């Protein structure tokens, strides 16, 4: 999934909450706001909405545990 700025995430979530669960309509509306190539797809909108409903934020959560070393 492409990283979106905070403003873009807010726009995506506004359109999502305006049109509810009709993801095809949401993606159509977002193609007008974003360029045709930069518009998020259905799975990106669904995952962003789920993350927002679960955490109340669109920020990425650091995974718990020890960080991986630079060497693999």
N, C-alpha and C. Protein backbone atom coordinates (compact mmCIF):
# COMPACT_ATOMS: atom_id res chain seq x y z
N UNK A 1 0.84 -1.17 0.00
CA UNK A 1 0.00 0.00 0.00
C UNK A 1 0.89 1.23 0.00
N UNK A 2 0.54 2.16 -0.83
CA UNK A 2 1.27 3.42 -0.92
C UNK A 2 1.04 4.25 0.34
N UNK A 3 2.03 4.98 0.77
CA UNK A 3 1.90 5.84 1.94
C UNK A 3 1.19 7.12 1.54
N UNK A 4 0.23 7.51 2.33
CA UNK A 4 -0.50 8.74 2.09
C UNK A 4 -0.19 9.73 3.20
N UNK A 5 -0.25 11.02 2.87
CA UNK A 5 -0.03 12.05 3.88
C UNK A 5 -1.24 12.11 4.82
N UNK A 6 -1.08 12.83 5.91
CA UNK A 6 -2.20 12.96 6.87
C UNK A 6 -3.41 13.60 6.20
N UNK A 7 -3.18 14.63 5.38
CA UNK A 7 -4.29 15.29 4.69
C UNK A 7 -5.02 14.34 3.74
N UNK A 8 -4.25 13.52 3.03
CA UNK A 8 -4.86 12.55 2.12
C UNK A 8 -5.65 11.50 2.89
N UNK A 9 -5.12 11.07 4.04
CA UNK A 9 -5.85 10.10 4.87
C UNK A 9 -7.16 10.69 5.36
N UNK A 10 -7.13 11.95 5.74
CA UNK A 10 -8.35 12.61 6.21
C UNK A 10 -9.37 12.68 5.08
N UNK A 11 -8.93 13.02 3.87
CA UNK A 11 -9.84 13.07 2.73
C UNK A 11 -10.44 11.70 2.44
N UNK A 12 -9.61 10.67 2.48
CA UNK A 12 -10.09 9.31 2.22
C UNK A 12 -11.13 8.91 3.26
N UNK A 13 -10.86 9.19 4.52
CA UNK A 13 -11.80 8.82 5.59
C UNK A 13 -13.08 9.64 5.53
N UNK A 14 -13.00 10.91 5.15
CA UNK A 14 -14.22 11.73 5.00
C UNK A 14 -15.13 11.14 3.94
N UNK A 15 -14.54 10.80 2.79
CA UNK A 15 -15.35 10.21 1.71
C UNK A 15 -15.90 8.86 2.14
N UNK A 16 -15.10 8.10 2.87
CA UNK A 16 -15.56 6.79 3.35
C UNK A 16 -16.77 6.94 4.27
N UNK A 17 -16.72 7.87 5.19
CA UNK A 17 -17.84 8.03 6.12
C UNK A 17 -19.04 8.72 5.47
N UNK A 18 -18.82 9.47 4.38
CA UNK A 18 -19.95 10.07 3.66
C UNK A 18 -20.74 9.00 2.90
N UNK A 19 -20.03 8.04 2.28
CA UNK A 19 -20.70 7.07 1.42
C UNK A 19 -20.85 5.70 2.06
N UNK A 20 -20.41 5.54 3.29
CA UNK A 20 -20.63 4.28 4.00
C UNK A 20 -19.84 3.13 3.43
N UNK A 21 -20.50 2.00 3.29
CA UNK A 21 -19.83 0.76 2.89
C UNK A 21 -19.79 0.53 1.39
N UNK A 22 -20.23 1.48 0.61
CA UNK A 22 -20.22 1.34 -0.85
C UNK A 22 -18.83 1.71 -1.38
N UNK A 23 -17.92 0.73 -1.39
CA UNK A 23 -16.53 1.00 -1.72
C UNK A 23 -16.33 1.39 -3.18
N UNK A 24 -17.14 0.88 -4.07
CA UNK A 24 -17.01 1.26 -5.48
C UNK A 24 -17.29 2.75 -5.65
N UNK A 25 -18.30 3.26 -4.97
CA UNK A 25 -18.62 4.69 -5.03
C UNK A 25 -17.52 5.52 -4.37
N UNK A 26 -16.96 5.02 -3.28
CA UNK A 26 -15.89 5.73 -2.58
C UNK A 26 -14.68 5.89 -3.50
N UNK A 27 -14.29 4.80 -4.17
CA UNK A 27 -13.13 4.85 -5.06
C UNK A 27 -13.41 5.78 -6.24
N UNK A 28 -14.63 5.77 -6.76
CA UNK A 28 -14.99 6.68 -7.86
C UNK A 28 -14.85 8.14 -7.42
N UNK A 29 -15.31 8.45 -6.23
CA UNK A 29 -15.22 9.82 -5.72
C UNK A 29 -13.77 10.23 -5.45
N UNK A 30 -12.97 9.28 -5.00
CA UNK A 30 -11.57 9.59 -4.70
C UNK A 30 -10.75 9.79 -5.97
N UNK A 31 -11.17 9.21 -7.08
CA UNK A 31 -10.47 9.43 -8.34
C UNK A 31 -10.58 10.89 -8.78
N UNK A 32 -11.65 11.56 -8.37
CA UNK A 32 -11.81 12.98 -8.69
C UNK A 32 -10.88 13.82 -7.82
N UNK A 33 -10.78 13.45 -6.54
CA UNK A 33 -9.95 14.21 -5.60
C UNK A 33 -8.47 13.99 -5.90
N UNK A 34 -8.06 12.73 -6.04
CA UNK A 34 -6.69 12.40 -6.39
C UNK A 34 -6.61 12.26 -7.90
N UNK A 35 -5.43 12.20 -8.43
CA UNK A 35 -5.31 11.89 -9.85
C UNK A 35 -5.76 10.45 -10.06
N UNK A 36 -6.05 10.11 -11.28
CA UNK A 36 -6.54 8.76 -11.56
C UNK A 36 -5.54 7.70 -11.11
N UNK A 37 -4.26 7.94 -11.31
CA UNK A 37 -3.24 6.95 -10.95
C UNK A 37 -2.97 6.90 -9.45
N UNK A 38 -3.16 8.01 -8.75
CA UNK A 38 -2.83 8.07 -7.33
C UNK A 38 -4.01 7.75 -6.42
N UNK A 39 -5.16 7.49 -6.98
CA UNK A 39 -6.34 7.18 -6.17
C UNK A 39 -6.16 5.82 -5.50
N UNK A 40 -6.55 5.71 -4.24
CA UNK A 40 -6.42 4.42 -3.56
C UNK A 40 -7.44 3.41 -4.09
N UNK A 41 -7.08 2.15 -4.03
CA UNK A 41 -8.01 1.11 -4.47
C UNK A 41 -8.90 0.69 -3.30
N UNK A 42 -9.80 -0.23 -3.56
CA UNK A 42 -10.79 -0.66 -2.57
C UNK A 42 -10.11 -1.23 -1.32
N UNK A 43 -9.11 -2.08 -1.51
CA UNK A 43 -8.46 -2.70 -0.35
C UNK A 43 -7.73 -1.66 0.51
N UNK A 44 -7.17 -0.63 -0.11
CA UNK A 44 -6.49 0.43 0.65
C UNK A 44 -7.50 1.21 1.48
N UNK A 45 -8.66 1.51 0.91
CA UNK A 45 -9.70 2.23 1.65
C UNK A 45 -10.22 1.38 2.80
N UNK A 46 -10.44 0.10 2.53
CA UNK A 46 -10.94 -0.81 3.58
C UNK A 46 -9.94 -0.92 4.73
N UNK A 47 -8.67 -1.10 4.41
CA UNK A 47 -7.68 -1.26 5.48
C UNK A 47 -7.49 0.03 6.26
N UNK A 48 -7.54 1.18 5.58
CA UNK A 48 -7.41 2.46 6.28
C UNK A 48 -8.61 2.71 7.19
N UNK A 49 -9.80 2.38 6.72
CA UNK A 49 -11.00 2.56 7.54
C UNK A 49 -10.98 1.61 8.73
N UNK A 50 -10.53 0.38 8.53
CA UNK A 50 -10.46 -0.58 9.63
C UNK A 50 -9.43 -0.13 10.67
N UNK A 51 -8.28 0.35 10.20
CA UNK A 51 -7.26 0.84 11.12
C UNK A 51 -7.77 2.02 11.92
N UNK A 52 -8.51 2.92 11.27
CA UNK A 52 -9.04 4.09 11.96
C UNK A 52 -10.09 3.68 12.99
N UNK A 53 -10.95 2.73 12.64
CA UNK A 53 -11.98 2.28 13.58
C UNK A 53 -11.37 1.52 14.76
N UNK A 54 -10.29 0.77 14.51
CA UNK A 54 -9.66 0.00 15.58
C UNK A 54 -8.84 0.87 16.52
N UNK A 55 -8.04 1.78 15.94
CA UNK A 55 -7.10 2.54 16.75
C UNK A 55 -7.50 4.00 16.96
N UNK A 56 -8.38 4.54 16.13
CA UNK A 56 -8.74 5.95 16.23
C UNK A 56 -7.71 6.86 15.59
N UNK A 57 -6.78 6.28 14.86
CA UNK A 57 -5.72 7.06 14.23
C UNK A 57 -5.33 6.39 12.93
N UNK A 58 -4.67 7.15 12.05
CA UNK A 58 -4.18 6.57 10.81
C UNK A 58 -2.68 6.37 10.87
N UNK A 59 -2.08 6.64 12.02
CA UNK A 59 -0.63 6.46 12.18
C UNK A 59 -0.28 4.98 12.22
N UNK A 60 0.90 4.67 11.74
CA UNK A 60 1.39 3.29 11.83
C UNK A 60 1.83 3.02 13.25
N UNK A 61 1.53 1.84 13.73
CA UNK A 61 1.89 1.45 15.08
C UNK A 61 3.20 0.66 15.01
N UNK A 62 4.14 1.03 15.88
CA UNK A 62 5.38 0.27 15.92
C UNK A 62 5.09 -1.13 16.44
N UNK A 63 5.68 -2.10 15.80
CA UNK A 63 5.47 -3.47 16.24
C UNK A 63 6.31 -3.73 17.49
N UNK A 64 5.73 -4.42 18.46
CA UNK A 64 6.48 -4.69 19.68
C UNK A 64 7.59 -5.72 19.41
N UNK A 65 8.58 -5.68 20.23
CA UNK A 65 9.64 -6.66 20.09
C UNK A 65 10.96 -6.03 19.74
N UNK A 66 11.93 -6.86 19.66
CA UNK A 66 13.28 -6.42 19.38
C UNK A 66 13.41 -6.05 17.90
N UNK A 67 14.06 -4.93 17.61
CA UNK A 67 14.24 -4.57 16.20
C UNK A 67 15.18 -5.53 15.47
N UNK A 68 14.96 -5.70 14.21
CA UNK A 68 15.82 -6.58 13.43
C UNK A 68 17.18 -5.94 13.24
N UNK A 69 18.21 -6.78 13.17
CA UNK A 69 19.54 -6.26 12.92
C UNK A 69 19.67 -5.88 11.45
N UNK A 70 20.65 -5.10 11.15
CA UNK A 70 20.85 -4.69 9.76
C UNK A 70 21.33 -5.85 8.90
N UNK A 71 21.97 -6.79 9.52
CA UNK A 71 22.43 -7.96 8.79
C UNK A 71 21.35 -9.02 8.81
N UNK A 72 21.17 -9.66 7.72
CA UNK A 72 20.16 -10.72 7.67
C UNK A 72 20.81 -12.06 7.45
